[in-house]
C-alpha cells in the first residue's frame, strides 16, 4: 500500500493505493464454535461483521471511491446479487500478494 499526503488548510488528505481482489462468499463468513448442553460443540457460520469491501461499476468498470462494510443492517439479497455479478472486491491479503506476479 502506498500513500501521498496533501494538506488543504487544516485538513490532511491521503491518496492511498490498495490492492484488491475479486471477492467470493467465503470472504464474508466466519465460523464460530459454541458449546451446547447435550449436543457438544456446534459450528455456526455467521456474517463477518466489519469486513470491508469495494464495488465495481458494471457500467464504467471503475471501482467506487468509497469502501463499504458488512454490518447487521447489510441487505443480503442485494449484496448476493453484487457477488453474482462479480462487482465485489476485498483487500488482497499479504500471502496473496506475496505469491502473485505483480
N, C-alpha and C. Protein backbone atom coordinates (compact mmCIF):
# COMPACT_ATOMS: atom_id res chain seq x y z
N UNK A 1 0.85 -1.16 0.00
CA UNK A 1 0.00 0.00 0.00
C UNK A 1 0.90 1.23 0.00
N UNK A 2 0.56 2.17 -0.83
CA UNK A 2 1.30 3.43 -0.87
C UNK A 2 0.35 4.57 -0.60
N UNK A 3 0.89 5.69 -0.14
CA UNK A 3 0.03 6.85 0.10
C UNK A 3 0.80 8.14 -0.16
N UNK A 4 0.05 9.16 -0.53
CA UNK A 4 0.58 10.50 -0.74
C UNK A 4 -0.23 11.43 0.16
N UNK A 5 0.45 12.27 0.94
CA UNK A 5 -0.23 13.17 1.85
C UNK A 5 -0.29 14.57 1.26
N UNK A 6 -1.47 15.17 1.28
CA UNK A 6 -1.69 16.53 0.81
C UNK A 6 -2.35 17.31 1.94
N UNK A 7 -1.94 18.55 2.14
CA UNK A 7 -2.56 19.38 3.17
C UNK A 7 -3.36 20.49 2.51
N UNK A 8 -4.65 20.58 2.87
CA UNK A 8 -5.54 21.64 2.39
C UNK A 8 -6.01 22.39 3.62
N UNK A 9 -5.37 23.54 3.89
CA UNK A 9 -5.72 24.26 5.11
C UNK A 9 -5.34 23.41 6.30
N UNK A 10 -6.32 23.10 7.15
CA UNK A 10 -6.08 22.24 8.31
C UNK A 10 -6.38 20.78 8.02
N UNK A 11 -6.96 20.50 6.87
CA UNK A 11 -7.36 19.14 6.52
C UNK A 11 -6.22 18.41 5.83
N UNK A 12 -5.93 17.18 6.27
CA UNK A 12 -4.91 16.34 5.65
C UNK A 12 -5.62 15.29 4.81
N UNK A 13 -5.23 15.21 3.55
CA UNK A 13 -5.85 14.26 2.62
C UNK A 13 -4.80 13.25 2.18
N UNK A 14 -5.13 11.97 2.29
CA UNK A 14 -4.23 10.90 1.86
C UNK A 14 -4.73 10.30 0.56
N UNK A 15 -3.84 10.13 -0.39
CA UNK A 15 -4.14 9.42 -1.63
C UNK A 15 -3.54 8.03 -1.46
N UNK A 16 -4.39 7.00 -1.32
CA UNK A 16 -3.94 5.66 -0.95
C UNK A 16 -4.23 4.68 -2.08
N UNK A 17 -3.28 3.80 -2.35
CA UNK A 17 -3.48 2.70 -3.29
C UNK A 17 -3.60 1.40 -2.51
N UNK A 18 -4.66 0.65 -2.77
CA UNK A 18 -4.90 -0.62 -2.08
C UNK A 18 -5.03 -1.71 -3.14
N UNK A 19 -4.39 -2.84 -2.93
CA UNK A 19 -4.52 -3.99 -3.84
C UNK A 19 -5.79 -4.73 -3.48
N UNK A 20 -6.68 -4.89 -4.47
CA UNK A 20 -7.95 -5.58 -4.26
C UNK A 20 -8.00 -6.83 -5.12
N UNK A 21 -8.83 -7.78 -4.67
CA UNK A 21 -9.09 -8.98 -5.47
C UNK A 21 -10.59 -9.21 -5.49
N UNK A 22 -11.04 -9.96 -6.49
CA UNK A 22 -12.47 -10.27 -6.60
C UNK A 22 -12.88 -11.12 -5.39
N UNK A 23 -13.99 -10.75 -4.79
CA UNK A 23 -14.46 -11.44 -3.58
C UNK A 23 -15.27 -12.67 -3.91
N UNK A 24 -15.36 -13.57 -2.93
CA UNK A 24 -16.29 -14.70 -3.01
C UNK A 24 -17.06 -14.75 -1.69
N UNK A 25 -18.08 -15.55 -1.64
CA UNK A 25 -18.97 -15.56 -0.46
C UNK A 25 -18.23 -15.93 0.83
N UNK A 26 -17.17 -16.73 0.74
CA UNK A 26 -16.44 -17.14 1.94
C UNK A 26 -15.71 -15.97 2.59
N UNK A 27 -15.45 -14.91 1.84
CA UNK A 27 -14.79 -13.74 2.40
C UNK A 27 -15.66 -13.02 3.43
N UNK A 28 -16.95 -13.30 3.43
CA UNK A 28 -17.88 -12.58 4.29
C UNK A 28 -18.52 -13.45 5.36
N UNK A 29 -17.98 -14.65 5.55
CA UNK A 29 -18.47 -15.57 6.59
C UNK A 29 -17.35 -15.88 7.56
N UNK A 30 -17.74 -16.12 8.82
CA UNK A 30 -16.78 -16.63 9.79
C UNK A 30 -17.43 -17.79 10.53
N UNK A 31 -16.61 -18.74 10.92
CA UNK A 31 -17.10 -19.92 11.63
C UNK A 31 -16.88 -19.70 13.12
N UNK A 32 -17.95 -19.88 13.88
CA UNK A 32 -17.90 -19.73 15.33
C UNK A 32 -18.29 -21.06 15.94
N UNK A 33 -17.58 -21.47 16.97
CA UNK A 33 -17.89 -22.73 17.65
C UNK A 33 -18.51 -22.42 19.01
N UNK A 34 -19.69 -23.01 19.25
CA UNK A 34 -20.38 -22.81 20.53
C UNK A 34 -20.64 -24.16 21.16
N UNK A 35 -20.52 -24.21 22.48
CA UNK A 35 -20.79 -25.43 23.22
C UNK A 35 -22.22 -25.39 23.73
N UNK A 36 -22.97 -26.45 23.41
CA UNK A 36 -24.35 -26.53 23.88
C UNK A 36 -24.53 -27.80 24.71
N UNK A 37 -25.28 -27.65 25.79
CA UNK A 37 -25.53 -28.79 26.69
C UNK A 37 -26.19 -29.94 25.94
N UNK A 38 -25.67 -31.12 26.10
CA UNK A 38 -26.26 -32.30 25.50
C UNK A 38 -25.91 -32.50 24.02
N UNK A 39 -25.43 -31.48 23.37
CA UNK A 39 -25.10 -31.59 21.94
C UNK A 39 -23.59 -31.60 21.73
N UNK A 40 -22.88 -30.85 22.56
CA UNK A 40 -21.43 -30.72 22.40
C UNK A 40 -21.11 -29.42 21.68
N UNK A 41 -20.06 -29.48 20.87
CA UNK A 41 -19.64 -28.28 20.15
C UNK A 41 -20.41 -28.16 18.85
N UNK A 42 -20.96 -26.99 18.63
CA UNK A 42 -21.76 -26.75 17.43
C UNK A 42 -21.07 -25.67 16.60
N UNK A 43 -20.96 -25.93 15.31
CA UNK A 43 -20.34 -24.97 14.39
C UNK A 43 -21.41 -24.08 13.79
N UNK A 44 -21.21 -22.76 13.90
CA UNK A 44 -22.17 -21.80 13.36
C UNK A 44 -21.44 -20.90 12.37
N UNK A 45 -22.04 -20.70 11.19
CA UNK A 45 -21.49 -19.78 10.21
C UNK A 45 -22.29 -18.49 10.31
N UNK A 46 -21.58 -17.39 10.52
CA UNK A 46 -22.25 -16.09 10.65
C UNK A 46 -21.53 -15.04 9.82
N UNK A 47 -22.20 -13.91 9.54
CA UNK A 47 -21.56 -12.85 8.76
C UNK A 47 -20.33 -12.29 9.47
N UNK A 48 -19.32 -11.95 8.70
CA UNK A 48 -18.10 -11.35 9.23
C UNK A 48 -18.33 -9.84 9.34
N UNK A 49 -18.88 -9.43 10.49
CA UNK A 49 -19.22 -8.02 10.72
C UNK A 49 -17.93 -7.18 10.67
N UNK A 50 -17.99 -6.08 9.92
CA UNK A 50 -16.84 -5.19 9.81
C UNK A 50 -15.97 -5.45 8.60
N UNK A 51 -16.22 -6.54 7.86
CA UNK A 51 -15.41 -6.85 6.67
C UNK A 51 -15.57 -5.75 5.63
N UNK A 52 -14.47 -5.09 5.24
CA UNK A 52 -14.58 -4.05 4.22
C UNK A 52 -14.66 -4.63 2.81
N UNK A 53 -15.34 -3.91 1.92
CA UNK A 53 -15.38 -4.31 0.52
C UNK A 53 -15.61 -3.07 -0.35
N UNK A 54 -15.31 -3.22 -1.63
CA UNK A 54 -15.49 -2.15 -2.61
C UNK A 54 -16.36 -2.69 -3.73
N UNK A 55 -17.10 -1.82 -4.40
CA UNK A 55 -17.95 -2.22 -5.52
C UNK A 55 -17.39 -1.68 -6.83
N UNK A 56 -17.46 -2.52 -7.86
CA UNK A 56 -17.02 -2.14 -9.20
C UNK A 56 -18.27 -1.91 -10.05
N UNK A 57 -18.32 -0.79 -10.75
CA UNK A 57 -19.47 -0.45 -11.58
C UNK A 57 -19.55 -1.36 -12.80
N UNK A 58 -20.73 -1.88 -13.06
CA UNK A 58 -20.94 -2.68 -14.28
C UNK A 58 -20.91 -1.79 -15.51
N UNK A 59 -21.32 -0.54 -15.33
CA UNK A 59 -21.42 0.40 -16.45
C UNK A 59 -20.06 0.94 -16.87
N UNK A 60 -19.27 1.42 -15.88
CA UNK A 60 -17.99 2.07 -16.20
C UNK A 60 -16.78 1.17 -15.99
N UNK A 61 -16.94 0.11 -15.19
CA UNK A 61 -15.80 -0.76 -14.88
C UNK A 61 -14.88 -0.17 -13.84
N UNK A 62 -15.27 0.95 -13.23
CA UNK A 62 -14.44 1.60 -12.22
C UNK A 62 -14.86 1.18 -10.82
N UNK A 63 -13.87 1.14 -9.91
CA UNK A 63 -14.13 0.85 -8.50
C UNK A 63 -14.67 2.11 -7.84
N UNK A 64 -15.74 1.95 -7.06
CA UNK A 64 -16.32 3.06 -6.30
C UNK A 64 -15.25 3.64 -5.37
N UNK A 65 -15.22 4.95 -5.24
CA UNK A 65 -14.19 5.63 -4.45
C UNK A 65 -14.32 5.37 -2.95
N UNK A 66 -15.46 4.91 -2.50
CA UNK A 66 -15.64 4.65 -1.06
C UNK A 66 -15.68 3.16 -0.79
N UNK A 67 -15.34 2.81 0.44
CA UNK A 67 -15.45 1.41 0.82
C UNK A 67 -16.74 1.21 1.60
N UNK A 68 -17.17 -0.04 1.67
CA UNK A 68 -18.37 -0.43 2.40
C UNK A 68 -17.94 -1.44 3.46
N UNK A 69 -18.81 -1.71 4.40
CA UNK A 69 -18.53 -2.71 5.44
C UNK A 69 -19.77 -3.56 5.67
N UNK A 70 -19.53 -4.82 6.01
CA UNK A 70 -20.63 -5.71 6.40
C UNK A 70 -21.10 -5.28 7.79
N UNK A 71 -22.39 -5.07 7.94
CA UNK A 71 -22.97 -4.68 9.23
C UNK A 71 -24.20 -5.56 9.50
N UNK A 72 -24.79 -5.34 10.65
CA UNK A 72 -26.03 -6.05 10.99
C UNK A 72 -27.15 -5.64 10.04
N UNK A 73 -27.01 -4.46 9.39
CA UNK A 73 -28.05 -3.93 8.51
C UNK A 73 -27.79 -4.20 7.02
N UNK A 74 -26.78 -5.00 6.72
CA UNK A 74 -26.47 -5.29 5.32
C UNK A 74 -27.68 -5.93 4.65
N UNK A 75 -28.04 -5.44 3.48
CA UNK A 75 -29.15 -6.01 2.70
C UNK A 75 -28.64 -7.23 1.93
N UNK A 76 -28.87 -8.42 2.47
CA UNK A 76 -28.27 -9.64 1.90
C UNK A 76 -28.75 -9.97 0.50
N UNK A 77 -30.02 -9.83 0.14
CA UNK A 77 -30.42 -10.15 -1.24
C UNK A 77 -29.66 -9.28 -2.26
N UNK A 78 -29.56 -7.99 -1.98
CA UNK A 78 -28.84 -7.07 -2.86
C UNK A 78 -27.35 -7.41 -2.90
N UNK A 79 -26.77 -7.67 -1.72
CA UNK A 79 -25.34 -8.00 -1.65
C UNK A 79 -25.02 -9.29 -2.42
N UNK A 80 -25.87 -10.29 -2.29
CA UNK A 80 -25.66 -11.56 -3.02
C UNK A 80 -25.71 -11.33 -4.53
N UNK A 81 -26.57 -10.43 -4.95
CA UNK A 81 -26.64 -10.08 -6.37
C UNK A 81 -25.33 -9.45 -6.83
N UNK A 82 -24.78 -8.55 -6.02
CA UNK A 82 -23.48 -7.94 -6.34
C UNK A 82 -22.40 -9.02 -6.49
N UNK A 83 -22.41 -10.00 -5.58
CA UNK A 83 -21.43 -11.10 -5.67
C UNK A 83 -21.62 -11.90 -6.95
N UNK A 84 -22.86 -12.23 -7.28
CA UNK A 84 -23.14 -12.99 -8.51
C UNK A 84 -22.67 -12.24 -9.76
N UNK A 85 -22.80 -10.92 -9.73
CA UNK A 85 -22.39 -10.09 -10.87
C UNK A 85 -20.89 -9.76 -10.85
N UNK A 86 -20.18 -10.31 -9.86
CA UNK A 86 -18.73 -10.13 -9.70
C UNK A 86 -18.36 -8.65 -9.57
N UNK A 87 -19.15 -7.93 -8.79
CA UNK A 87 -18.94 -6.50 -8.56
C UNK A 87 -18.19 -6.23 -7.26
N UNK A 88 -18.01 -7.24 -6.40
CA UNK A 88 -17.49 -7.04 -5.05
C UNK A 88 -16.00 -7.40 -5.00
N UNK A 89 -15.21 -6.49 -4.40
CA UNK A 89 -13.77 -6.69 -4.24
C UNK A 89 -13.39 -6.49 -2.79
N UNK A 90 -12.38 -7.25 -2.33
CA UNK A 90 -11.87 -7.14 -0.97
C UNK A 90 -10.36 -6.92 -1.03
N UNK A 91 -9.78 -6.40 0.07
CA UNK A 91 -8.32 -6.22 0.08
C UNK A 91 -7.61 -7.57 -0.07
N UNK A 92 -6.59 -7.59 -0.89
CA UNK A 92 -5.78 -8.81 -1.05
C UNK A 92 -4.93 -8.98 0.19
N UNK A 93 -4.82 -10.20 0.66
CA UNK A 93 -4.01 -10.50 1.84
C UNK A 93 -2.53 -10.54 1.52
N UNK A 94 -1.73 -10.49 2.55
CA UNK A 94 -0.27 -10.48 2.41
C UNK A 94 0.23 -11.66 1.59
N UNK A 95 -0.24 -12.87 1.91
CA UNK A 95 0.26 -14.06 1.22
C UNK A 95 -0.26 -14.13 -0.22
N UNK A 96 -1.43 -13.56 -0.47
CA UNK A 96 -1.92 -13.50 -1.86
C UNK A 96 -1.03 -12.59 -2.69
N UNK A 97 -0.61 -11.48 -2.11
CA UNK A 97 0.28 -10.55 -2.83
C UNK A 97 1.67 -11.14 -2.98
N UNK A 98 2.14 -11.82 -1.95
CA UNK A 98 3.47 -12.41 -1.99
C UNK A 98 3.60 -13.45 -3.10
N UNK A 99 2.51 -14.21 -3.30
CA UNK A 99 2.53 -15.28 -4.31
C UNK A 99 2.14 -14.80 -5.71
N UNK A 100 1.61 -13.58 -5.80
CA UNK A 100 1.14 -13.06 -7.09
C UNK A 100 2.30 -12.51 -7.92
N UNK A 101 2.14 -12.53 -9.21
CA UNK A 101 3.12 -11.93 -10.10
C UNK A 101 2.74 -10.48 -10.30
N UNK A 102 3.29 -9.59 -9.49
CA UNK A 102 2.95 -8.17 -9.57
C UNK A 102 4.06 -7.39 -10.24
